[in-house]
Structures are given as structure tokens and as C-alpha cells.
Amino acid sequence: MNPAVILLFGILFLGCVCSARLSSKFNMPFLLVFLAIGMLMRLLSGQGIVSSLTSVQNSLTWSTANFIGSVALAFILFTGGYSTKLKNLASVQTSGIILATVGVLLTAGCLAVFGYWLLNALLPFPVTFLGCLLLGSIISSTDAAAVFSILRSRSVGLKGQLKPLLELESGSNDPMATFLTITFLELVMQEIGVSPSSSNPYLFLPLQFVLKMSLGLAFGLLGGKVSVWLFNHLNLEHDGLYYVLGMGSVLGTFGLSELCWGNGFLAVYVAGVYMGNSDFTFHNGYGRFSDAIGWLMQVTLFGMLGFLATPSLLWKYKWLGLGMALFLMFVARPVSCFLCLLRSKFTWQEKTLISWVGLRGGAPIMLATFPMMKDMLATNGNTPTSLILFHIIFFMVILSVLIQGNTIMPLAKKLRLDAPLKPAPHPPLFIENLGRHGHADSSDFRNTRPREFSVTAGSDLAGQKIADCKLPSEAFIIMIQRNDAYIIPRGNTVLKPGDNLTILGSQGALEECAVLFQTGESLAV
């Protein structure tokens, strides 16, 4: 055990958390901060300034980085799925799925054509078109986490169906990019004679895609349903074990899907969507815990990827990265988006913003470790081509976050697509203990659970006393959150716009409350 290494990683996590706050204040995407900290650690280790980091660098192989990155991405995708509301996706599911599949393929194809010309013009050795398809596949997925962190930092949202569409696309396009990356990598390995060649490898690509995605979807639904059942029926004595149960569910779903030749990344995203839209014990508490794990994984992923990058190589291949990044932002992404949304109901202004909100994040850099791992196995560590590929992609991600990340809000305002961001209520975690299955002594509280409701500005409930709202008899207001304070509800308490109410009740009573808070009309007899 090396306590200096443990101390350094503690400082890394603390530094990332503190710098994330600064990045919000100065409108700097947190992704760049995490990557910069990782690159700083690489410089310190490379110069021998911190000997403990040098030992970490020597022990961090590309295979290890790929394993850590895959696990981290699985948790990040699960968190994104968990926070996705199905009711918001109903009107955008067709467009979102097309963008996440056909859009990724079109983006990869456009980049491959341009990259074939650019790379062969600037590199001293020839690059095959399959190699360019591999590069395009790696960089083809988007990362909305950085986008919405920027929007939240300025209390800005997006109008209409833009937000749910971008959430669905960004959460579901990583599996497609992963499939294309692994597929074209195998074809490249066959092309150079490292892997055994098939008689017609392209013939089975559509079948492989359908099979992997179908299995990923099936295992995701299975994992989500089993997890919800376990949460509701285990009745664990120690609350902390519920969070351990959730982590085990994510890892189990991902591992089982990959073991059975499904797409593990799609599986964990689907499991997250299913659990996030289901009713089970510790739903809200586990959502916060999952969000914390997601942030931890992002810090780990981005810091590690920054640690793997060599600044001198980034600078050496800057013109390749710049050319590919500009083509991606101004040609490949807009072309794929406008073609995929050709028959949708989105306006040209909305399509323009969707095209621009195509930030690249940690997933492309993580996917770039696959060629590194394969090349190391094939050439005993001599990996010039894959190193160039890795640093071109790294440079493209940095430029994407820098340029697009700092211009999303001005463009949204210019197109008049920005809207005030509605803050989400955060009731205390002890609320999760109320109404747990089989844990209440009184039968009046069995099978009850808490749910949050908001009083909107146009609701008839605004300005009414609680006693006059006539809630269902089996529903009880147990807490009111007003701004940053909590209010004890009483009969003469007057509800105000923006109030977030935590109501405990049976399933039927809560459904009546949902209608009540949508219409503002009394439901009591």
C-alpha cells in the first residue's frame, strides 16, 4: 500500500469537485476541468516530480484503462437512464431513436470520407478507408451531460421537446457507437492480417446489429424488473444495503448482457429508464445515490483519460484534430441531424440547435482505447497508428467542448429556444423510510409511499389554504419545500407558486393528486 498514491487520488477527487463549482461560475464545461487535472498529473509523473504518480503511470495499461472506462461508462449511462422520464419521451421517441442509430452511422460515414482525404494528405503513411470508418465510429456519439451542466449553471432550459430529444439521443447513441467501433476494429484487424478473415464479414453486420441490440434491450428490461422486485421485497434491515443492491444490479445487468453477446451499454441504459420510471422502495434516495456514483465515475473516467494523453502528441497532431473537429461540428453533425429529422415536426431553428448540441465527451476517448488495446496485443507494444488515433480524438473532444460548450446558450437565445430552468425539489432522504413495504406498524400506512408535486404559477391551488384544497382522504401532505426552506404543513398554510409538496398516500390517492395538481380542481367528494 502506498499512502502517497491514496492521498493523491483524494486530492484529485477534491480538486475535481471544487473545480466543477468554478467551471459553473465561469461557464467552463466540467469535462475540460477533469481532463486538465488528469493531464496535469501526467506531466507531474512524466517529469518525475511526483514519484508516486510515475508508478501509477507505469501500472496503468490500456487494457486496464479500457476496463475502468467501460465500467464507468456503464454507471454514467445508467444514471442518465434513471433520470429520464418516459412520459416526456413519447412524442420524440421516433426522432430520438433515428438520431441515436442512423444519425450515428451517418456521422461516422461523413467523417470517414473527409478523414480519408485529410489523414492521407497530412500523415507520412497511408490510412485505409476502414481505418477512417473506425475513427468516425469512435467519435460519433454525443455527451449531453456537459450540455445540461452548462444550461443549469446559467439557469437556462430549452423550449418544447428539445430537452427530452437530446436526453434520449445522448443516452442511447453510445451503444451504437460502441457496436460500430468494435465491428470496424475487427474488420481493420482482419485487413492487416492480425485476425482471421471471414469469407464475407459484411454480410453478417446487419444480423449482428439486430441481435446485439435486441439482446441488450431484453437484458436491460430483465435487469430493471428484477432490481425493482428486489428493492420492494427484500425488506433489508440496513438502509445502506439498498444502495449496494442497486450497484450490484447495474454491474450484473451489464456483465450478463455482455456475456450473452448483448450490448451491455444499451442494457444498463434501459435498466435505468425502467427503474427510474418504476415505483419502488428508496426510489428517490437511490436516484440521488446513483447521481453521486455517476459523478464519481465521470471524475474517474475523465481524470484517467487525461492521465493517458501525451500533451506533446496532442500538439503534434493538432492540425489533424482541428480539421476533423471543424468538419464534425459544421458539416457531419448538421448533415446527419437534418437528414434524420427531415420528416419530423421540429422547426429549422430547433434542428439547427440540435445540430450544434453535439458535444463529444468521455465515451469517444474511452472507445479510442479499444484500438490501443488491440494494437498492443498485435504488435507487442509498438502502436504508432493507434496513438495518433487516440490523440486526434482527444483533441477533437477538447475543441468540441470548448467551442460548442461556450456557444450553446448564445445560440439558444439567438434562436429564441431558451427557457427558464425549473429547479427540481429535493426533500430530505428520511422521507424514503415512510411507507416502506411491511415496515409500518399501523395498517393505515401499509402500501403507502411518498411522491412529490409542484404548485405551478397558473394552478388554481396557488393562493389556497391546504384545508380548502380537499385532497383525497388517503393522502397526507407531510412536507412543503419553499425555495430553500422546509415548511410544516398546517390547515391554514397558504400554497404559493413554486411550492414543492411531498405527499404520502396510497397509489390510488397519489394518482388523484397527480390529476389535482395538473388541473387545480378539487377531487374530493
Protein backbone atom coordinates (compact mmCIF):
# COMPACT_ATOMS: atom_id res chain seq x y z
CA MET A 1 0.00 0.00 0.00
CA ASN A 2 1.31 3.41 -0.97
CA PRO A 3 -0.34 6.14 1.14
CA ALA A 4 1.04 8.83 -1.15
CA VAL A 5 -0.97 7.42 -4.08
CA ILE A 6 -4.11 7.28 -1.94
CA LEU A 7 -3.53 10.90 -0.88
CA LEU A 8 -3.06 11.99 -4.48
CA PHE A 9 -6.31 10.38 -5.57
CA GLY A 10 -8.08 12.03 -2.65
CA ILE A 11 -6.70 15.38 -3.76
CA LEU A 12 -7.78 14.56 -7.32
CA PHE A 13 -11.39 13.96 -6.29
CA LEU A 14 -11.49 17.04 -4.07
CA GLY A 15 -9.91 19.14 -6.79
CA CYS A 16 -12.41 17.98 -9.38
CA VAL A 17 -15.36 18.75 -7.10
CA CYS A 18 -14.08 22.23 -6.25
CA SER A 19 -13.12 22.96 -9.85
CA ALA A 20 -16.57 21.83 -11.03
CA ARG A 21 -18.02 24.66 -8.97
CA LEU A 22 -15.59 27.10 -10.57
CA SER A 23 -16.38 25.74 -14.04
CA SER A 24 -20.07 26.52 -13.49
CA LYS A 25 -19.24 30.02 -12.30
CA PHE A 26 -17.03 30.81 -15.28
CA ASN A 27 -19.11 28.90 -17.85
CA MET A 28 -16.34 26.34 -18.39
CA PRO A 29 -17.54 22.76 -19.06
CA PHE A 30 -16.57 20.46 -16.21
CA LEU A 31 -15.28 17.87 -18.69
CA LEU A 32 -12.35 20.11 -19.57
CA VAL A 33 -11.52 20.63 -15.91
CA PHE A 34 -11.39 16.91 -15.20
CA LEU A 35 -9.32 16.24 -18.30
CA ALA A 36 -6.94 19.09 -17.44
CA ILE A 37 -6.38 17.73 -13.93
CA GLY A 38 -5.61 14.31 -15.38
CA MET A 39 -3.17 15.81 -17.89
CA LEU A 40 -1.51 17.80 -15.10
CA MET A 41 -0.97 14.57 -13.19
CA ARG A 42 0.56 13.06 -16.36
CA LEU A 43 3.00 15.99 -16.63
CA LEU A 44 4.00 15.68 -12.97
CA SER A 45 4.63 11.97 -13.39
CA GLY A 46 6.46 12.38 -16.70
CA GLN A 47 8.87 14.92 -15.23
CA GLY A 48 9.48 12.73 -12.20
CA ILE A 49 8.20 15.47 -9.88
CA VAL A 50 5.83 13.09 -8.12
CA SER A 51 7.35 9.61 -7.99
CA SER A 52 4.08 8.01 -6.81
CA LEU A 53 2.36 9.14 -10.00
CA THR A 54 5.13 7.63 -12.06
CA SER A 55 4.41 4.23 -10.53
CA VAL A 56 0.70 4.69 -11.27
CA GLN A 57 1.51 5.59 -14.88
CA ASN A 58 3.68 2.51 -15.29
CA SER A 59 0.96 0.20 -13.92
CA LEU A 60 -1.95 1.74 -15.90
CA THR A 61 -2.11 -0.35 -19.06
CA TRP A 62 -4.51 0.31 -21.92
CA SER A 63 -6.38 -2.88 -21.06
CA THR A 64 -6.87 -1.65 -17.50
CA ALA A 65 -7.97 1.76 -18.74
CA ASN A 66 -10.45 0.14 -21.10
CA PHE A 67 -11.90 -1.97 -18.28
CA ILE A 68 -12.20 1.01 -15.90
CA GLY A 69 -13.66 3.18 -18.66
CA SER A 70 -16.26 0.56 -19.63
CA VAL A 71 -17.46 0.18 -16.03
CA ALA A 72 -17.52 3.95 -15.53
CA LEU A 73 -19.48 4.50 -18.75
CA ALA A 74 -21.97 1.80 -17.71
CA PHE A 75 -22.77 3.67 -14.47
CA ILE A 76 -22.94 7.01 -16.29
CA LEU A 77 -25.43 5.61 -18.81
CA PHE A 78 -27.49 4.02 -16.04
CA THR A 79 -27.68 7.37 -14.23
CA GLY A 80 -28.77 9.09 -17.43
CA GLY A 81 -31.48 6.49 -17.99
CA TYR A 82 -32.65 6.69 -14.38
CA SER A 83 -33.29 10.45 -14.66
CA THR A 84 -35.16 10.09 -17.98
CA LYS A 85 -38.95 10.34 -17.75
CA LEU A 86 -40.83 8.15 -20.21
CA LYS A 87 -43.79 10.49 -20.33
CA ASN A 88 -41.52 13.16 -21.82
CA LEU A 89 -40.17 10.79 -24.49
CA ALA A 90 -43.47 9.71 -26.04
CA SER A 91 -43.51 12.50 -28.63
CA VAL A 92 -39.80 12.31 -29.50
CA GLN A 93 -39.02 8.59 -29.33
CA THR A 94 -39.02 8.07 -33.10
CA SER A 95 -36.76 11.05 -33.82
CA GLY A 96 -34.51 10.20 -30.86
CA ILE A 97 -34.01 6.58 -31.90
CA ILE A 98 -33.31 7.61 -35.51
CA LEU A 99 -30.70 10.13 -34.33
CA ALA A 100 -29.14 7.57 -31.98
CA THR A 101 -28.77 4.93 -34.71
CA VAL A 102 -28.96 6.27 -38.26
CA GLY A 103 -27.55 9.62 -37.13
CA VAL A 104 -24.51 7.96 -35.57
CA LEU A 105 -23.94 5.91 -38.73
CA LEU A 106 -24.26 8.97 -40.99
CA THR A 107 -21.89 10.98 -38.80
CA ALA A 108 -19.32 8.17 -38.86
CA GLY A 109 -19.64 7.84 -42.65
CA CYS A 110 -19.23 11.57 -43.31
CA LEU A 111 -16.18 11.74 -41.07
CA ALA A 112 -14.70 8.67 -42.74
CA VAL A 113 -14.90 10.25 -46.21
CA PHE A 114 -13.35 13.53 -45.06
CA GLY A 115 -10.82 11.78 -42.82
CA TYR A 116 -9.65 9.54 -45.66
CA TRP A 117 -8.67 12.62 -47.64
CA LEU A 118 -7.23 14.64 -44.73
CA LEU A 119 -5.26 11.89 -43.00
CA ASN A 120 -3.69 10.63 -46.21
CA ALA A 121 -2.76 14.20 -47.11
CA LEU A 122 -1.06 15.04 -43.81
CA LEU A 123 0.26 11.74 -42.43
CA PRO A 124 3.52 10.22 -43.74
CA PHE A 125 1.92 6.78 -44.17
CA PRO A 126 -1.30 5.65 -45.91
CA VAL A 127 -4.53 5.20 -43.96
CA THR A 128 -7.20 2.81 -45.24
CA PHE A 129 -10.85 3.75 -45.53
CA LEU A 130 -11.68 1.11 -42.91
CA GLY A 131 -9.33 2.89 -40.52
CA CYS A 132 -11.16 6.14 -41.19
CA LEU A 133 -14.50 4.43 -40.58
CA LEU A 134 -13.09 3.29 -37.24
CA LEU A 135 -12.13 6.87 -36.36
CA GLY A 136 -15.56 8.16 -37.38
CA SER A 137 -17.31 5.47 -35.33
CA ILE A 138 -15.33 6.29 -32.19
CA ILE A 139 -16.16 10.00 -32.29
CA SER A 140 -19.78 9.62 -33.47
CA SER A 141 -21.59 9.63 -30.08
CA THR A 142 -22.60 12.74 -28.13
CA ASP A 143 -22.49 13.61 -24.43
CA ALA A 144 -25.39 15.70 -23.12
CA ALA A 145 -24.10 15.72 -19.53
CA ALA A 146 -21.80 18.63 -20.35
CA VAL A 147 -24.60 20.41 -22.22
CA PHE A 148 -27.11 20.41 -19.39
CA SER A 149 -24.48 21.26 -16.79
CA ILE A 150 -23.84 24.46 -18.76
CA LEU A 151 -27.56 25.18 -19.03
CA ARG A 152 -28.07 24.60 -15.29
CA SER A 153 -25.13 26.87 -14.44
CA ARG A 154 -26.97 29.78 -16.06
CA SER A 155 -30.47 28.64 -15.02
CA VAL A 156 -31.39 28.13 -18.67
CA GLY A 157 -33.53 25.39 -20.16
CA LEU A 158 -34.71 24.56 -23.65
CA LYS A 159 -38.20 25.05 -25.03
CA GLY A 160 -40.54 22.41 -26.39
CA GLN A 161 -39.31 18.87 -26.92
CA LEU A 162 -35.63 19.74 -27.32
CA LYS A 163 -34.50 18.60 -23.89
CA PRO A 164 -36.16 15.14 -23.94
CA LEU A 165 -34.95 14.58 -27.51
CA LEU A 166 -31.35 15.41 -26.61
CA GLU A 167 -31.59 13.28 -23.46
CA LEU A 168 -32.85 10.29 -25.42
CA GLU A 169 -30.28 10.69 -28.19
CA SER A 170 -27.28 11.16 -25.89
CA GLY A 171 -28.32 8.31 -23.60
CA SER A 172 -28.94 5.81 -26.36
CA ASN A 173 -26.30 6.59 -29.01
CA ASP A 174 -23.28 5.25 -27.08
CA PRO A 175 -24.36 1.62 -27.67
CA MET A 176 -24.49 2.25 -31.43
CA ALA A 177 -21.07 3.92 -31.40
CA THR A 178 -19.67 1.03 -29.37
CA PHE A 179 -21.06 -1.53 -31.81
CA LEU A 180 -19.61 0.31 -34.82
CA THR A 181 -16.24 0.78 -33.09
CA ILE A 182 -15.81 -2.89 -32.18
CA THR A 183 -17.12 -4.03 -35.59
CA PHE A 184 -14.82 -1.82 -37.67
CA LEU A 185 -11.90 -2.57 -35.36
CA GLU A 186 -12.31 -6.29 -36.05
CA LEU A 187 -12.51 -5.56 -39.80
CA VAL A 188 -9.32 -3.47 -39.60
CA MET A 189 -7.57 -6.29 -37.74
CA GLN A 190 -8.67 -8.70 -40.48
CA GLU A 191 -7.49 -6.26 -43.14
CA ILE A 192 -3.97 -6.10 -41.73
CA GLY A 193 -3.90 -9.87 -41.22
CA VAL A 194 -3.92 -9.91 -37.41
CA SER A 195 -7.35 -11.56 -37.03
CA PRO A 196 -8.62 -14.49 -39.14
CA SER A 197 -10.58 -13.23 -42.13
CA SER A 198 -14.18 -14.23 -42.81
CA SER A 199 -15.38 -15.09 -46.30
CA ASN A 200 -17.82 -12.21 -46.31
CA PRO A 201 -17.67 -10.27 -43.00
CA TYR A 202 -20.05 -7.52 -44.20
CA LEU A 203 -22.88 -10.00 -44.83
CA PHE A 204 -23.43 -10.58 -41.11
CA LEU A 205 -23.20 -6.95 -39.91
CA PRO A 206 -26.96 -6.21 -40.04
CA LEU A 207 -27.71 -9.50 -38.28
CA GLN A 208 -25.08 -8.80 -35.61
CA PHE A 209 -26.52 -5.32 -35.03
CA VAL A 210 -30.09 -6.54 -34.63
CA LEU A 211 -29.02 -9.42 -32.38
CA LYS A 212 -26.78 -7.36 -30.06
CA MET A 213 -29.28 -4.53 -29.70
CA SER A 214 -32.23 -6.88 -29.17
CA LEU A 215 -30.37 -8.83 -26.51
CA GLY A 216 -29.23 -5.60 -24.87
CA LEU A 217 -32.82 -4.36 -24.75
CA ALA A 218 -34.08 -7.69 -23.38
CA PHE A 219 -31.41 -7.96 -20.67
CA GLY A 220 -31.97 -4.30 -19.76
CA LEU A 221 -35.69 -4.89 -19.18
CA LEU A 222 -34.93 -8.08 -17.28
CA GLY A 223 -32.36 -6.37 -15.09
CA GLY A 224 -34.68 -3.45 -14.37
CA LYS A 225 -37.62 -5.67 -13.45
CA VAL A 226 -35.55 -7.94 -11.22
CA SER A 227 -33.99 -4.93 -9.49
CA VAL A 228 -37.38 -3.31 -8.78
CA TRP A 229 -38.70 -6.61 -7.41
CA LEU A 230 -35.66 -6.99 -5.12
CA PHE A 231 -35.99 -3.43 -3.82
CA ASN A 232 -39.63 -3.98 -2.96
CA HIS A 233 -39.43 -7.47 -1.46
CA LEU A 234 -36.08 -7.91 0.30
CA ASN A 235 -37.02 -5.67 3.28
CA LEU A 236 -33.39 -5.14 4.27
CA GLU A 237 -32.75 -4.08 7.87
CA HIS A 238 -29.90 -1.72 6.95
CA ASP A 239 -30.84 1.09 4.57
CA GLY A 240 -27.34 1.33 3.12
CA LEU A 241 -27.67 -2.15 1.65
CA TYR A 242 -30.29 -0.85 -0.79
CA TYR A 243 -27.60 1.24 -2.46
CA VAL A 244 -25.26 -1.74 -2.61
CA LEU A 245 -28.13 -3.69 -4.17
CA GLY A 246 -28.50 -1.02 -6.84
CA MET A 247 -24.80 -1.05 -7.71
CA GLY A 248 -24.85 -4.83 -7.96
CA SER A 249 -27.85 -4.62 -10.29
CA VAL A 250 -26.00 -2.29 -12.66
CA LEU A 251 -22.88 -4.45 -12.77
CA GLY A 252 -24.94 -7.64 -13.06
CA THR A 253 -27.05 -6.30 -15.92
CA PHE A 254 -24.00 -5.05 -17.81
CA GLY A 255 -21.97 -8.22 -17.28
CA LEU A 256 -24.80 -10.65 -18.10
CA SER A 257 -25.67 -8.81 -21.30
CA GLU A 258 -22.05 -8.74 -22.49
CA LEU A 259 -21.55 -12.39 -21.51
CA CYS A 260 -24.59 -13.40 -23.57
CA TRP A 261 -23.45 -11.35 -26.59
CA GLY A 262 -25.79 -8.45 -25.96
CA ASN A 263 -24.89 -4.77 -25.85
CA GLY A 264 -24.15 -4.08 -22.18
CA PHE A 265 -24.26 -0.30 -22.54
CA LEU A 266 -27.77 -0.41 -24.01
CA ALA A 267 -28.79 -2.88 -21.28
CA VAL A 268 -27.78 -0.61 -18.38
CA TYR A 269 -29.41 2.42 -20.01
CA VAL A 270 -32.68 0.53 -20.50
CA ALA A 271 -32.50 -0.82 -16.93
CA GLY A 272 -32.00 2.74 -15.69
CA VAL A 273 -35.01 4.01 -17.65
CA TYR A 274 -37.16 1.16 -16.34
CA MET A 275 -36.14 1.67 -12.71
CA GLY A 276 -36.35 5.46 -12.89
CA ASN A 277 -39.97 5.22 -14.09
CA SER A 278 -40.99 2.47 -11.64
CA ASP A 279 -42.32 2.76 -8.11
CA PHE A 280 -40.16 1.01 -5.51
CA THR A 281 -38.70 1.46 -2.05
CA PHE A 282 -35.96 4.10 -1.81
CA HIS A 283 -36.68 5.33 -5.34
CA ASN A 284 -35.70 8.95 -4.71
CA GLY A 285 -32.85 8.09 -2.36
CA TYR A 286 -31.32 5.67 -4.81
CA GLY A 287 -31.72 8.26 -7.56
CA ARG A 288 -29.52 10.66 -5.60
CA PHE A 289 -27.04 7.91 -4.80
CA SER A 290 -26.92 6.94 -8.48
CA ASP A 291 -26.29 10.56 -9.40
CA ALA A 292 -23.38 10.66 -6.94
CA ILE A 293 -21.95 7.44 -8.40
CA GLY A 294 -22.36 8.91 -11.88
CA TRP A 295 -20.31 11.97 -10.89
CA LEU A 296 -17.67 9.76 -9.27
CA MET A 297 -17.42 7.74 -12.47
CA GLN A 298 -17.14 10.88 -14.58
CA VAL A 299 -14.32 12.18 -12.42
CA THR A 300 -12.60 8.79 -12.63
CA LEU A 301 -13.14 8.40 -16.37
CA PHE A 302 -12.13 11.90 -17.45
CA GLY A 303 -9.23 12.12 -15.00
CA MET A 304 -7.89 8.76 -16.13
CA LEU A 305 -8.23 9.61 -19.82
CA GLY A 306 -6.46 12.92 -19.26
CA PHE A 307 -3.72 10.99 -17.48
CA LEU A 308 -3.30 8.74 -20.54
CA ALA A 309 -2.88 11.63 -23.00
CA THR A 310 0.55 12.90 -24.00
CA PRO A 311 0.49 16.72 -24.43
CA SER A 312 3.34 16.68 -26.97
CA LEU A 313 1.38 14.29 -29.22
CA LEU A 314 -1.75 16.43 -28.89
CA TRP A 315 0.22 19.41 -30.13
CA LYS A 316 1.95 17.42 -32.87
CA TYR A 317 -1.33 16.31 -34.44
CA LYS A 318 -3.27 19.49 -33.70
CA TRP A 319 -3.98 20.27 -37.38
CA LEU A 320 -5.48 16.85 -37.95
CA GLY A 321 -7.61 17.22 -34.83
CA LEU A 322 -8.64 20.77 -35.77
CA GLY A 323 -9.66 19.82 -39.30
CA MET A 324 -11.65 16.78 -38.18
CA ALA A 325 -13.32 18.70 -35.33
CA LEU A 326 -14.43 21.59 -37.55
CA PHE A 327 -15.77 19.20 -40.17
CA LEU A 328 -17.66 17.29 -37.46
CA MET A 329 -19.21 20.44 -35.99
CA PHE A 330 -20.09 22.29 -39.20
CA VAL A 331 -20.72 19.50 -41.72
CA ALA A 332 -21.03 15.92 -40.43
CA ARG A 333 -23.27 16.57 -37.42
CA PRO A 334 -25.61 19.08 -39.18
CA VAL A 335 -25.95 16.86 -42.26
CA SER A 336 -26.83 13.79 -40.19
CA CYS A 337 -29.27 15.72 -37.97
CA PHE A 338 -31.14 17.45 -40.79
CA LEU A 339 -31.41 14.19 -42.75
CA CYS A 340 -32.64 12.24 -39.71
CA LEU A 341 -35.16 14.96 -38.78
CA LEU A 342 -36.24 15.62 -42.37
CA ARG A 343 -39.85 14.49 -41.81
CA SER A 344 -40.13 15.48 -38.15
CA LYS A 345 -42.15 18.36 -36.72
CA PHE A 346 -39.09 20.24 -35.50
CA THR A 347 -38.56 23.69 -36.99
CA TRP A 348 -35.34 24.67 -38.77
CA GLN A 349 -34.34 26.67 -35.70
CA GLU A 350 -34.74 23.60 -33.50
CA LYS A 351 -32.86 21.41 -35.98
CA THR A 352 -30.05 23.96 -36.04
CA LEU A 353 -29.74 23.90 -32.25
CA ILE A 354 -29.92 20.08 -32.16
CA SER A 355 -27.10 20.00 -34.71
CA TRP A 356 -24.98 22.29 -32.56
CA VAL A 357 -25.73 20.48 -29.30
CA GLY A 358 -23.50 17.59 -30.28
CA LEU A 359 -20.76 17.79 -27.68
CA ARG A 360 -18.31 14.94 -27.56
CA GLY A 361 -17.36 13.66 -24.11
CA GLY A 362 -15.64 10.82 -22.33
CA ALA A 363 -17.23 8.00 -24.35
CA PRO A 364 -15.26 8.68 -27.59
CA ILE A 365 -11.96 8.90 -25.70
CA MET A 366 -12.79 5.67 -23.87
CA LEU A 367 -13.70 3.96 -27.16
CA ALA A 368 -10.32 5.06 -28.53
CA THR A 369 -8.67 2.72 -26.01
CA PHE A 370 -10.03 -0.29 -27.94
CA PRO A 371 -7.58 0.18 -30.88
CA MET A 372 -4.75 0.81 -28.40
CA MET A 373 -5.50 -2.44 -26.64
CA LYS A 374 -5.75 -4.40 -29.90
CA ASP A 375 -2.59 -2.87 -31.37
CA MET A 376 -0.61 -3.62 -28.24
CA LEU A 377 -1.68 -7.24 -28.41
CA ALA A 378 -0.88 -7.39 -32.11
CA THR A 379 2.45 -5.56 -32.27
CA ASN A 380 3.94 -6.09 -28.82
CA GLY A 381 3.55 -2.51 -27.73
CA ASN A 382 4.57 -0.72 -30.94
CA THR A 383 1.41 1.32 -31.55
CA PRO A 384 2.06 4.47 -33.62
CA THR A 385 -1.21 4.37 -35.57
CA SER A 386 -3.46 3.86 -32.57
CA LEU A 387 -1.59 6.53 -30.59
CA ILE A 388 -2.21 9.02 -33.37
CA LEU A 389 -5.88 7.99 -33.49
CA PHE A 390 -6.24 8.37 -29.71
CA HIS A 391 -4.76 11.87 -29.64
CA ILE A 392 -6.71 13.07 -32.69
CA ILE A 393 -9.93 12.02 -30.96
CA PHE A 394 -8.78 13.56 -27.69
CA PHE A 395 -8.09 16.86 -29.46
CA MET A 396 -11.48 16.75 -31.20
CA VAL A 397 -13.25 16.29 -27.86
CA ILE A 398 -11.42 19.25 -26.33
CA LEU A 399 -12.32 21.52 -29.26
CA SER A 400 -15.92 20.33 -29.29
CA VAL A 401 -16.38 21.14 -25.61
CA LEU A 402 -14.53 24.45 -25.88
CA ILE A 403 -16.29 25.79 -28.98
CA GLN A 404 -19.76 24.26 -28.75
CA GLY A 405 -19.90 24.25 -24.96
CA ASN A 406 -19.38 28.01 -24.78
CA THR A 407 -21.79 28.89 -27.61
CA ILE A 408 -24.85 26.74 -26.84
CA MET A 409 -26.54 29.34 -24.65
CA PRO A 410 -25.93 32.31 -27.00
CA LEU A 411 -27.23 30.25 -29.94
CA ALA A 412 -30.32 29.09 -27.99
CA LYS A 413 -31.09 32.70 -27.10
CA LYS A 414 -30.45 33.86 -30.67
CA LEU A 415 -32.89 31.24 -31.97
CA ARG A 416 -35.31 32.06 -29.13
CA LEU A 417 -35.32 28.49 -27.87
CA ASP A 418 -34.13 29.18 -24.32
CA ALA A 419 -36.48 28.97 -21.34
CA PRO A 420 -36.20 29.41 -17.55
CA LEU A 421 -34.89 26.27 -15.85
CA LYS A 422 -37.29 24.82 -13.30
CA PRO A 423 -35.44 23.72 -10.14
CA ALA A 424 -36.09 20.16 -9.02
CA PRO A 425 -37.35 19.57 -5.45
CA HIS A 426 -35.02 17.79 -3.04
CA PRO A 427 -36.88 16.52 0.03
CA PRO A 428 -34.83 15.07 2.90
CA LEU A 429 -33.77 11.45 2.48
CA PHE A 430 -35.56 10.29 5.63
CA ILE A 431 -38.81 10.64 3.66
CA GLU A 432 -37.76 7.47 1.85
CA ASN A 433 -38.39 5.44 5.01
CA LEU A 434 -42.06 6.35 5.13
CA GLY A 435 -44.50 3.74 3.90
CA ARG A 436 -41.93 1.02 3.28
CA HIS A 437 -43.44 -2.36 2.49
CA GLY A 438 -44.16 -4.33 5.64
CA HIS A 439 -42.26 -1.93 7.92
CA ALA A 440 -45.12 0.13 9.30
CA ASP A 441 -46.89 -0.95 12.46
CA SER A 442 -50.20 0.64 11.54
CA SER A 443 -52.22 -0.83 8.70
CA ASP A 444 -53.22 2.71 7.71
CA PHE A 445 -49.72 3.28 6.39
CA ARG A 446 -49.07 -0.04 4.70
CA ASN A 447 -48.51 0.15 0.95
CA THR A 448 -48.22 3.94 1.08
CA ARG A 449 -45.36 5.86 -0.38
CA PRO A 450 -44.26 9.48 -0.78
CA ARG A 451 -44.45 11.42 -4.02
CA GLU A 452 -43.53 14.98 -4.92
CA PHE A 453 -45.88 17.51 -6.52
CA SER A 454 -45.34 21.12 -7.55
CA VAL A 455 -47.73 24.08 -7.44
CA THR A 456 -47.43 25.83 -10.79
CA ALA A 457 -47.93 29.55 -11.31
CA GLY A 458 -51.17 29.07 -13.25
CA SER A 459 -52.69 26.49 -10.92
CA ASP A 460 -55.93 27.20 -9.03
CA LEU A 461 -54.22 25.72 -5.95
CA ALA A 462 -51.90 28.71 -5.74
CA GLY A 463 -53.19 31.04 -3.05
CA GLN A 464 -55.45 28.41 -1.43
CA LYS A 465 -55.21 27.13 2.12
CA ILE A 466 -54.41 23.44 2.49
CA ALA A 467 -57.76 22.90 4.24
CA ASP A 468 -59.57 24.22 1.18
CA CYS A 469 -57.70 22.05 -1.34
CA LYS A 470 -59.75 18.97 -0.41
CA LEU A 471 -57.10 16.36 -1.02
CA PRO A 472 -58.11 12.68 -1.18
CA SER A 473 -58.76 11.21 2.27
CA GLU A 474 -55.86 8.75 1.94
CA ALA A 475 -53.31 11.44 1.05
CA PHE A 476 -51.35 13.47 3.60
CA ILE A 477 -49.05 16.44 3.00
CA ILE A 478 -46.01 15.71 5.14
CA MET A 479 -43.70 18.49 3.99
CA ILE A 480 -43.58 21.66 1.88
CA GLN A 481 -40.39 22.92 0.28
CA ARG A 482 -40.49 26.63 -0.46
CA ASN A 483 -37.31 27.99 -2.07
CA ASP A 484 -34.53 26.61 0.15
CA ALA A 485 -36.65 26.21 3.30
CA TYR A 486 -38.96 23.45 4.57
CA ILE A 487 -42.39 24.31 6.00
CA ILE A 488 -44.51 22.21 8.33
CA PRO A 489 -47.94 21.93 6.63
CA ARG A 490 -51.00 23.05 8.57
CA GLY A 491 -54.60 23.56 7.59
CA ASN A 492 -54.21 27.33 7.30
CA THR A 493 -50.93 27.15 5.34
CA VAL A 494 -51.38 29.02 2.04
CA LEU A 495 -49.85 27.36 -1.00
CA LYS A 496 -47.71 29.53 -3.25
CA PRO A 497 -46.50 29.09 -6.83
CA GLY A 498 -43.28 27.10 -6.87
CA ASP A 499 -44.07 25.16 -3.68
CA ASN A 500 -42.96 21.52 -3.79
CA LEU A 501 -45.19 19.25 -1.71
CA THR A 502 -44.25 15.78 -0.50
CA ILE A 503 -47.48 13.79 -0.15
CA LEU A 504 -47.79 10.37 1.47
CA GLY A 505 -50.62 8.19 0.27
CA SER A 506 -51.82 5.04 -1.42
CA GLN A 507 -51.28 4.51 -5.11
CA GLY A 508 -54.85 5.47 -5.97
CA ALA A 509 -54.76 8.59 -3.82
CA LEU A 510 -51.48 9.70 -5.35
CA GLU A 511 -52.91 9.26 -8.84
CA GLU A 512 -55.82 11.50 -7.85
CA CYS A 513 -53.32 14.03 -6.50
CA ALA A 514 -51.46 13.95 -9.82
CA VAL A 515 -54.66 14.98 -11.62
CA LEU A 516 -55.41 17.58 -8.95
CA PHE A 517 -52.03 19.26 -9.31
CA GLN A 518 -52.27 19.25 -13.07
CA THR A 519 -55.73 20.84 -13.22
CA GLY A 520 -56.01 22.60 -9.89
CA GLU A 521 -59.56 21.28 -9.49
CA SER A 522 -60.86 19.65 -6.31
CA LEU A 523 -61.35 15.89 -6.48
CA ALA A 524 -62.83 15.26 -3.04
CA VAL A 525 -66.46 14.26 -2.77
